[in-house]
Structure formats: structure tokens, C-alpha cells
Amino acid sequence: MAGGGPSGTAGGRRPSGMAGDRPSGMAGDRPSGMAGDRPSGGPEAECAADDPGSGRGEGAVGGGPFGAADPVQAAGLAGAGAADDGVPVRDLVLGLLRAAARAAAGPALLERVMAAALDGYARANHAELARHETDRAAFVTDLLTGRADPGGLAQRAQRYGIRLSATHVVLVARGATLTPALAHRVDAALAARYGDGNTLTTLRDGELVCISAGGLRGLAAEFAHHLVGELGPGGWQIGAGRPHAGLPGLTRSLDEARGCLDHAAKLGFTAPVLNAADLLVFPVLLRDRDAITDLVTTVLGPLREARGGAQPYLDTLTVLFEHQGNYTATARHLHLSVRAVTYRLDRIRDLTGYHPGEPTQRFTLHTAVLGARLLGWP
């Protein structure tokens, strides 16, 4: 895609997995029946919509509500009907003005009728938008849980440009201030950046979930960029799953994205974007929980006998490994002297028999420390 679009696309072609056009109901598009939609029915209907003198808005209000027993109520119903029929609001207003002129309605009545008609129009549009948002949220839930009928799900997926057999990536953002309005804005921004139909973003269970076609270059960074603009540089974090094909692949990518954020919470990772491909070791460590528990208790268990318990020594090892074994950087991070760090490491060797300075013991000790943090030990 030109202008820094997704990788793997040439000549304006979109990545596989998403159709090029966003269907009704996705952010940035008007649902059927909203102001600005053109009527169906061919050239004559289009001309009627473009011609203010055609009387299309007038017809939409049934020849005018001024002859009704309750003109204000009739105008509200007429406005809602105009929205449902896709009549532009300009045509609705012109039709009401013509009807008022024929009925010789006074300014006060005209004002009340006009307000009622526009209120009815707005309510109908809002109801339509709410219905589309509800339908889309239900679709995303069925898509990611995989519990819906595959045939029916495939038909619904076509509305959003998703081909279930293609490769997709799921990103998940967590934060304290994620809202439906924010999700709508981010969805529209990503669609503008990558093209309609290549991304689908919605708020689900308090998380901002983005389903994307595989191969979109820089999507996680773009996602983060919009969260920075909306929420500032802190208070949120993004997990990115790996690309997977098919309906089961969507669920797997979602689980990986969530797993990134779960591991970050346990291990204290503060990077704004975490990629599942970079954290594959942690699911491996937890795959055999009995084995990692045995490793932690065998290697680190004796630290419980130290004065002050195991936690200060575990923190020292954690920071030491994060700083690639640099004693000075570790001491600075912990607000200790280098001598105090050296003492703690020597004490760890005395209690456990392991020292991070020994090449043959470093990996075992590091693995045990990671396992302890994943398990919440001690």
C-alpha cells in the first residue's frame, strides 16, 4: 500500500484476510438510514435527493404534519421515518418549510414542529448506531470465543471484510480509562491509516481489542501512537499476539496477546508494547507447573531462612539479571552500595549453593528467579 501501508502489498492490493471495503456498522461509516445516505432506486431517486425542489423531504413527512391533530407529535414521527428512509436532513427541513408555507403556520408552531422533527431524526439515527455497535460487539465476541456456528459466523464476517480462513493478528490494550468513544476513535484512525476492512477495533470486557489482517506493517506502534494521543504516555499497555490462520488462530492470537499482559503484570515489565514472539519462554516455563515449582523451591527455597526473608535477595537477583550482571547498575537501581549488592550475592551462594557469577549456574538461577515471579513466590 502506498504511503507506508502494510507490508506485502503491491499496487494498492490489501493484505489477505480483510476485504477492501468496510461494511455498514464499522466505525467511520454511516449505517443504513443515516443522514447523507443516497436512496436506492436508480438515477431518478438520486436526482430527487440532489434536487431541493423535488419534494422528497416533503414526501418524507407525509405532506406535512401541520394538518394532524397533534402537529408536534406527528413531526417527531415524521423525522424518525425520514431517518429510517435515508432522507438527508436538509431535504427534511425544506419539506417542513414548504408544508408550513402551505398551511400558513405561524413561527411559534413552525419552531416547535421543526424541533420535534429534528429530535425524532436524531433519535432514530442514534438507535441505528447503537444497534450496529451492539451487533458488532456480539460478532467480535463470537469470533474470538469460537462458540458460534461456523457457517453463520462466516456470513457475518463478510459484513466486516474478514475471511475466516486467512491469517490475522490480535492486539489487546489494557488501561484504566478505556471507553467505547475512545475505541470508536481509534478504530476510525486505524481504518484511515491501513484502509477500510483491514482492522476491526472494539471494546470488549474492558479491553481494547484490535483484529487485523496479517502483515500490516507497524500496526502495534500505530495503535500505541493513538493511545498516547488519547491517554498520554502511561497508564496503558498493549499485548500483540502472533499471526495465525483460521478461526482457531484468532482465539490463539488473542490468548497470546492477553498472556503478554498477564506476564508483564507478574514480572513488572513496563514496556508500552509487548510481543508474544518475544515472550515465548514464559508459557514454556508454566507449561509444566510442577516442574517449575520444584525448581523454584529447590534452588531458592533456602533463601527463606535468611534474615528478612527471601524477597530482598530475589529482588537483587531480578535487577542483576535485568542489568546483564552489572553490579554498579544494580546497586544504583536498588539504592544500595556495590558492597551491599556483593554481600547479598555472596549470601545467596552461602544459602543456596548458586551464584550468578558462575557460568554453569547462571541459567539455572535466572530460570528459577523468573519462575518465582510467575508463580508469585515466595
Protein backbone atom coordinates (compact mmCIF):
# COMPACT_ATOMS: atom_id res chain seq x y z
CA MET A 1 0.00 0.00 0.00
CA ALA A 2 1.43 3.37 -0.94
CA GLY A 3 2.46 5.85 1.68
CA GLY A 4 3.87 3.40 4.21
CA GLY A 5 0.98 0.95 4.08
CA PRO A 6 1.06 -2.70 5.05
CA SER A 7 3.98 -4.77 4.02
CA GLY A 8 3.47 -7.44 1.45
CA THR A 9 1.06 -5.40 -0.61
CA ALA A 10 1.77 -4.08 -4.05
CA GLY A 11 -0.13 -1.93 -6.47
CA GLY A 12 -2.63 -0.93 -3.82
CA ARG A 13 -3.70 -4.50 -3.04
CA ARG A 14 -4.88 -5.09 0.50
CA PRO A 15 -3.48 -7.85 2.71
CA SER A 16 -5.31 -11.13 2.68
CA GLY A 17 -7.86 -11.67 5.39
CA MET A 18 -9.80 -8.43 5.13
CA ALA A 19 -11.89 -7.10 2.30
CA GLY A 20 -11.19 -3.68 0.90
CA ASP A 21 -14.48 -2.06 1.85
CA ARG A 22 -15.72 -1.57 5.36
CA PRO A 23 -19.35 -2.64 5.73
CA SER A 24 -22.15 -0.81 7.40
CA GLY A 25 -21.69 -0.83 11.14
CA MET A 26 -17.93 -0.24 11.31
CA ALA A 27 -16.51 2.99 12.68
CA GLY A 28 -16.39 5.78 10.18
CA ASP A 29 -19.31 4.53 8.07
CA ARG A 30 -22.94 5.54 8.33
CA PRO A 31 -25.40 2.75 8.95
CA SER A 32 -28.24 2.49 6.51
CA GLY A 33 -30.80 5.17 7.22
CA MET A 34 -28.39 7.85 8.43
CA ALA A 35 -28.25 11.37 7.06
CA GLY A 36 -26.18 11.64 3.93
CA ASP A 37 -27.02 8.20 2.52
CA ARG A 38 -28.35 8.11 -1.00
CA PRO A 39 -31.67 6.39 -1.67
CA SER A 40 -31.87 3.28 -3.69
CA GLY A 41 -33.89 3.24 -6.83
CA GLY A 42 -31.58 4.34 -9.61
CA PRO A 43 -30.86 7.68 -11.25
CA GLU A 44 -34.30 9.17 -10.71
CA ALA A 45 -34.08 8.68 -6.95
CA GLU A 46 -30.57 10.11 -6.94
CA CYS A 47 -31.75 13.19 -8.82
CA ALA A 48 -34.57 13.61 -6.34
CA ALA A 49 -32.08 13.56 -3.49
CA ASP A 50 -29.90 16.17 -5.18
CA ASP A 51 -32.76 18.49 -6.16
CA PRO A 52 -34.06 20.59 -3.23
CA GLY A 53 -37.21 21.32 -5.16
CA SER A 54 -38.10 17.71 -5.81
CA GLY A 55 -40.30 17.48 -2.74
CA ARG A 56 -38.52 14.37 -1.46
CA GLY A 57 -38.27 15.75 2.08
CA GLU A 58 -41.84 16.94 1.82
CA GLY A 59 -42.96 13.45 0.93
CA ALA A 60 -40.94 12.06 3.83
CA VAL A 61 -43.15 13.96 6.26
CA GLY A 62 -46.33 12.74 4.66
CA GLY A 63 -47.27 16.02 3.05
CA GLY A 64 -46.61 17.92 6.29
CA PRO A 65 -47.61 17.39 9.91
CA PHE A 66 -49.46 20.69 10.25
CA GLY A 67 -52.84 19.18 9.43
CA ALA A 68 -52.54 16.50 12.14
CA ALA A 69 -54.39 16.69 15.43
CA ASP A 70 -51.02 16.96 17.21
CA PRO A 71 -48.56 18.54 14.76
CA VAL A 72 -45.59 18.25 17.17
CA GLN A 73 -46.07 14.52 17.73
CA ALA A 74 -46.63 13.97 14.01
CA ALA A 75 -43.43 15.88 13.24
CA GLY A 76 -41.40 13.67 15.62
CA LEU A 77 -42.69 10.53 13.93
CA ALA A 78 -42.05 12.05 10.51
CA GLY A 79 -38.47 12.91 11.46
CA ALA A 80 -37.80 9.36 12.65
CA GLY A 81 -39.34 7.99 9.45
CA ALA A 82 -37.16 10.28 7.35
CA ALA A 83 -34.04 8.98 9.09
CA ASP A 84 -35.14 5.38 8.53
CA ASP A 85 -35.72 6.13 4.83
CA GLY A 86 -32.33 7.77 4.43
CA VAL A 87 -33.69 11.26 3.72
CA PRO A 88 -30.95 13.90 4.17
CA VAL A 89 -31.73 16.31 6.98
CA ARG A 90 -31.58 19.22 4.53
CA ASP A 91 -34.42 17.73 2.49
CA LEU A 92 -36.42 17.12 5.66
CA VAL A 93 -36.10 20.76 6.70
CA LEU A 94 -37.01 22.04 3.22
CA GLY A 95 -40.07 19.79 3.14
CA LEU A 96 -41.26 21.07 6.52
CA LEU A 97 -40.78 24.68 5.44
CA ARG A 98 -42.88 24.12 2.28
CA ALA A 99 -45.59 22.37 4.28
CA ALA A 100 -45.59 25.23 6.80
CA ALA A 101 -45.95 27.77 3.99
CA ARG A 102 -48.96 25.94 2.52
CA ALA A 103 -50.58 25.61 5.93
CA ALA A 104 -49.79 29.25 6.81
CA ALA A 105 -48.31 28.01 10.09
CA GLY A 106 -47.09 30.70 12.49
CA PRO A 107 -43.44 31.00 13.58
CA ALA A 108 -44.08 29.55 17.04
CA LEU A 109 -45.72 26.39 15.70
CA LEU A 110 -43.10 26.05 12.97
CA GLU A 111 -40.32 26.23 15.58
CA ARG A 112 -41.91 23.50 17.72
CA VAL A 113 -42.61 21.26 14.71
CA MET A 114 -39.08 21.71 13.36
CA ALA A 115 -37.53 20.89 16.74
CA ALA A 116 -39.69 17.78 17.14
CA ALA A 117 -38.84 16.55 13.63
CA LEU A 118 -35.10 17.02 14.15
CA ASP A 119 -35.27 15.33 17.57
CA GLY A 120 -37.05 12.35 16.03
CA TYR A 121 -34.47 12.23 13.25
CA ALA A 122 -31.59 12.27 15.75
CA ARG A 123 -33.17 9.62 17.99
CA ALA A 124 -33.67 7.27 15.05
CA ASN A 125 -30.05 7.73 13.96
CA HIS A 126 -28.75 7.13 17.48
CA ALA A 127 -30.85 3.99 17.80
CA GLU A 128 -29.47 2.73 14.50
CA LEU A 129 -25.90 3.42 15.58
CA ALA A 130 -26.47 1.66 18.90
CA ARG A 131 -27.88 -1.38 17.11
CA HIS A 132 -24.88 -1.57 14.81
CA GLU A 133 -22.45 -1.23 17.73
CA THR A 134 -24.29 -3.98 19.60
CA ASP A 135 -24.22 -6.25 16.55
CA ARG A 136 -20.51 -5.65 16.05
CA ALA A 137 -19.65 -6.28 19.70
CA ALA A 138 -21.61 -9.56 19.59
CA PHE A 139 -19.82 -10.54 16.38
CA VAL A 140 -16.37 -9.90 17.88
CA THR A 141 -17.28 -11.93 20.96
CA ASP A 142 -18.47 -14.87 18.85
CA LEU A 143 -15.43 -14.56 16.60
CA LEU A 144 -12.89 -14.67 19.42
CA THR A 145 -14.60 -17.33 21.52
CA GLY A 146 -15.27 -19.62 18.55
CA ARG A 147 -18.55 -20.83 20.06
CA ALA A 148 -20.83 -19.65 17.24
CA ASP A 149 -21.90 -21.72 14.25
CA PRO A 150 -19.03 -21.50 11.72
CA GLY A 151 -21.36 -21.13 8.75
CA GLY A 152 -23.35 -18.29 10.27
CA LEU A 153 -20.17 -16.70 11.59
CA ALA A 154 -18.62 -16.73 8.12
CA GLN A 155 -21.66 -14.93 6.69
CA ARG A 156 -21.49 -12.28 9.42
CA ALA A 157 -17.73 -11.93 8.92
CA GLN A 158 -18.27 -10.88 5.31
CA ARG A 159 -20.00 -7.72 6.52
CA TYR A 160 -16.75 -6.69 8.21
CA GLY A 161 -14.40 -7.80 5.46
CA ILE A 162 -12.97 -10.73 7.45
CA ARG A 163 -12.13 -14.03 5.75
CA LEU A 164 -12.01 -16.63 8.48
CA SER A 165 -9.52 -18.85 6.64
CA ALA A 166 -6.93 -16.06 6.33
CA THR A 167 -4.13 -15.05 8.71
CA HIS A 168 -4.89 -12.48 11.40
CA VAL A 169 -3.18 -10.81 14.34
CA VAL A 170 -4.96 -9.77 17.53
CA LEU A 171 -3.77 -6.89 19.71
CA VAL A 172 -5.13 -6.17 23.19
CA ALA A 173 -4.73 -2.94 25.14
CA ARG A 174 -5.43 -2.62 28.85
CA GLY A 175 -5.84 0.61 30.78
CA ALA A 176 -7.97 2.25 33.41
CA THR A 177 -9.69 4.78 31.15
CA LEU A 178 -10.66 2.84 28.02
CA THR A 179 -14.14 3.83 26.82
CA PRO A 180 -16.42 2.99 23.86
CA ALA A 181 -15.91 6.50 22.48
CA LEU A 182 -12.14 6.04 22.57
CA ALA A 183 -12.49 2.65 20.87
CA HIS A 184 -14.55 4.26 18.11
CA ARG A 185 -11.93 6.96 17.51
CA VAL A 186 -9.03 4.52 17.46
CA ASP A 187 -10.94 2.22 15.12
CA ALA A 188 -11.58 5.08 12.70
CA ALA A 189 -7.94 6.21 12.88
CA LEU A 190 -6.57 2.74 12.17
CA ALA A 191 -9.01 2.31 9.28
CA ALA A 192 -7.83 5.62 7.83
CA ARG A 193 -4.20 4.55 8.16
CA TYR A 194 -4.44 0.99 6.84
CA GLY A 195 -7.56 1.09 4.70
CA ASP A 196 -11.16 0.11 5.30
CA GLY A 197 -11.61 -3.53 6.17
CA ASN A 198 -8.04 -4.23 7.30
CA THR A 199 -8.67 -3.60 11.01
CA LEU A 200 -11.58 -4.01 13.39
CA THR A 201 -11.26 -2.43 16.85
CA THR A 202 -13.78 -2.58 19.67
CA LEU A 203 -14.04 -2.52 23.46
CA ARG A 204 -14.59 -5.99 24.91
CA ASP A 205 -14.63 -6.89 28.62
CA GLY A 206 -12.89 -3.63 29.44
CA GLU A 207 -10.07 -4.31 26.96
CA LEU A 208 -9.45 -2.60 23.63
CA VAL A 209 -9.25 -5.44 21.10
CA CYS A 210 -7.94 -4.93 17.56
CA ILE A 211 -8.30 -7.68 14.95
CA SER A 212 -6.12 -7.07 11.92
CA ALA A 213 -5.11 -8.71 8.68
CA GLY A 214 -1.73 -10.39 8.91
CA GLY A 215 1.15 -8.38 7.51
CA LEU A 216 0.17 -4.83 8.47
CA ARG A 217 3.48 -3.06 8.97
CA GLY A 218 3.86 -1.09 12.20
CA LEU A 219 0.34 -1.79 13.47
CA ALA A 220 1.32 -2.13 17.14
CA ALA A 221 3.31 1.12 17.01
CA GLU A 222 0.40 2.90 15.31
CA PHE A 223 -2.01 1.52 17.91
CA ALA A 224 0.29 2.79 20.67
CA HIS A 225 0.60 6.18 18.96
CA HIS A 226 -3.16 6.72 19.13
CA LEU A 227 -3.32 5.62 22.78
CA VAL A 228 -0.59 8.12 23.61
CA GLY A 229 -2.66 10.80 21.91
CA GLU A 230 -5.81 9.79 23.76
CA LEU A 231 -4.47 8.84 27.21
CA GLY A 232 -0.93 10.16 27.46
CA PRO A 233 2.26 8.08 27.71
CA GLY A 234 1.34 5.99 30.77
CA GLY A 235 -1.50 4.00 32.31
CA TRP A 236 -1.93 1.53 29.44
CA GLN A 237 -0.10 -1.38 27.80
CA ILE A 238 -0.51 -3.33 24.56
CA GLY A 239 0.00 -7.05 24.01
CA ALA A 240 0.42 -8.32 20.44
CA GLY A 241 -0.29 -11.92 19.53
CA ARG A 242 1.47 -13.74 16.71
CA PRO A 243 -0.10 -14.20 13.24
CA HIS A 244 -2.23 -17.33 12.98
CA ALA A 245 -4.55 -18.64 10.29
CA GLY A 246 -8.20 -19.60 10.52
CA LEU A 247 -10.82 -19.23 13.22
CA PRO A 248 -8.79 -21.14 15.86
CA GLY A 249 -5.87 -18.85 15.03
CA LEU A 250 -7.86 -15.79 16.08
CA THR A 251 -8.50 -17.28 19.51
CA ARG A 252 -4.86 -18.31 19.82
CA SER A 253 -3.58 -14.85 18.88
CA LEU A 254 -5.98 -13.30 21.41
CA ASP A 255 -4.74 -15.65 24.15
CA GLU A 256 -1.14 -14.77 23.31
CA ALA A 257 -1.85 -11.04 23.44
CA ARG A 258 -3.55 -11.38 26.81
CA GLY A 259 -0.76 -13.65 28.02
CA CYS A 260 1.77 -10.90 27.25
CA LEU A 261 -0.11 -8.50 29.51
CA ASP A 262 -0.55 -11.11 32.26
CA HIS A 263 3.18 -11.88 32.26
CA ALA A 264 4.00 -8.17 32.26
CA ALA A 265 1.88 -7.67 35.37
CA LYS A 266 3.60 -10.55 37.19
CA LEU A 267 7.14 -9.74 36.08
CA GLY A 268 6.94 -5.96 36.29
CA PHE A 269 7.53 -5.29 32.59
CA THR A 270 6.72 -1.66 31.81
CA ALA A 271 7.28 -1.53 28.03
CA PRO A 272 4.22 0.01 26.32
CA VAL A 273 4.12 -2.74 23.65
CA LEU A 274 4.84 -6.42 24.33
CA ASN A 275 5.08 -9.00 21.55
CA ALA A 276 4.18 -12.64 22.16
CA ALA A 277 7.09 -13.72 19.95
CA ASP A 278 9.50 -12.10 22.43
CA LEU A 279 7.98 -13.81 25.48
CA LEU A 280 7.68 -17.41 24.34
CA VAL A 281 9.86 -18.67 27.19
CA PHE A 282 7.24 -17.85 29.80
CA PRO A 283 4.48 -20.15 28.51
CA VAL A 284 7.16 -22.85 28.31
CA LEU A 285 8.07 -22.30 31.97
CA LEU A 286 4.43 -22.54 33.03
CA ARG A 287 3.55 -25.47 30.81
CA ASP A 288 4.85 -27.89 33.44
CA ARG A 289 3.85 -26.13 36.64
CA ASP A 290 5.03 -28.96 38.88
CA ALA A 291 8.49 -28.86 37.34
CA ILE A 292 8.94 -25.10 37.65
CA THR A 293 7.59 -25.18 41.23
CA ASP A 294 10.12 -27.86 42.09
CA LEU A 295 12.93 -25.81 40.51
CA VAL A 296 11.96 -22.68 42.45
CA THR A 297 11.69 -24.39 45.82
CA THR A 298 14.88 -26.40 45.32
CA VAL A 299 17.07 -23.51 44.15
CA LEU A 300 15.57 -20.56 46.02
CA GLY A 301 13.84 -22.24 48.96
CA PRO A 302 16.81 -21.84 51.34
CA LEU A 303 16.54 -18.06 50.99
CA ARG A 304 13.51 -18.21 53.27
CA GLU A 305 15.92 -18.81 56.15
CA ALA A 306 17.75 -15.51 55.58
CA ARG A 307 17.16 -12.53 57.82
CA GLY A 308 14.32 -10.52 56.31
CA GLY A 309 13.14 -13.48 54.22
CA ALA A 310 13.71 -14.33 50.57
CA GLN A 311 12.22 -11.21 48.94
CA PRO A 312 15.23 -8.83 49.22
CA TYR A 313 17.52 -11.44 47.69
CA LEU A 314 15.02 -12.26 44.97
CA ASP A 315 14.75 -8.55 44.12
CA THR A 316 18.53 -8.28 43.95
CA LEU A 317 18.79 -11.20 41.53
CA THR A 318 15.95 -9.82 39.41
CA VAL A 319 17.59 -6.43 39.00
CA LEU A 320 21.02 -8.00 38.45
CA PHE A 321 19.74 -10.11 35.55
CA GLU A 322 17.87 -7.12 34.09
CA HIS A 323 21.19 -5.24 34.03
CA GLN A 324 23.17 -8.12 32.48
CA GLY A 325 25.10 -8.82 35.68
CA ASN A 326 26.35 -5.24 36.17
CA TYR A 327 26.88 -4.73 39.90
CA THR A 328 27.13 -0.93 39.68
CA ALA A 329 23.87 -0.55 37.73
CA THR A 330 22.16 -2.99 40.11
CA ALA A 331 23.31 -1.02 43.15
CA ARG A 332 22.14 2.25 41.60
CA HIS A 333 18.72 0.80 40.80
CA LEU A 334 18.27 -0.61 44.32
CA HIS A 335 19.72 2.49 46.02
CA LEU A 336 22.42 0.35 47.62
CA SER A 337 26.18 0.39 47.62
CA VAL A 338 28.08 -2.02 45.38
CA ARG A 339 29.42 -3.60 48.54
CA ALA A 340 25.88 -4.29 49.78
CA VAL A 341 24.99 -5.94 46.45
CA THR A 342 28.13 -8.08 46.63
CA TYR A 343 27.25 -9.12 50.18
CA ARG A 344 23.76 -10.19 49.15
CA LEU A 345 25.05 -12.26 46.25
CA ASP A 346 27.61 -13.95 48.47
CA ARG A 347 24.87 -14.66 51.00
CA ILE A 348 22.77 -16.23 48.23
CA ARG A 349 25.68 -18.53 47.38
CA ASP A 350 26.14 -19.47 51.04
CA LEU A 351 22.44 -20.35 51.43
CA THR A 352 21.65 -21.97 48.08
CA GLY A 353 24.99 -23.02 46.60
CA TYR A 354 24.25 -20.94 43.46
CA HIS A 355 25.95 -17.70 42.38
CA PRO A 356 25.10 -15.66 39.27
CA GLY A 357 28.80 -15.12 38.61
CA GLU A 358 29.27 -18.84 37.90
CA PRO A 359 28.58 -19.51 34.18
CA THR A 360 27.30 -23.04 34.83
CA GLN A 361 24.86 -21.82 37.49
CA ARG A 362 23.67 -18.52 35.98
CA PHE A 363 20.99 -20.00 33.70
CA THR A 364 19.53 -22.23 36.44
CA LEU A 365 19.41 -19.34 38.88
CA HIS A 366 17.88 -16.97 36.30
CA THR A 367 15.22 -19.54 35.33
CA ALA A 368 14.36 -20.08 38.99
CA VAL A 369 14.00 -16.32 39.53
CA LEU A 370 11.68 -15.97 36.51
CA GLY A 371 9.65 -18.95 37.69
CA ALA A 372 9.35 -17.47 41.17
CA ARG A 373 7.96 -14.23 39.77
CA LEU A 374 5.49 -16.07 37.53
CA LEU A 375 4.30 -18.18 40.46
CA GLY A 376 4.17 -15.27 42.90
CA TRP A 377 6.78 -16.95 45.13
CA PRO A 378 7.59 -16.59 47.98
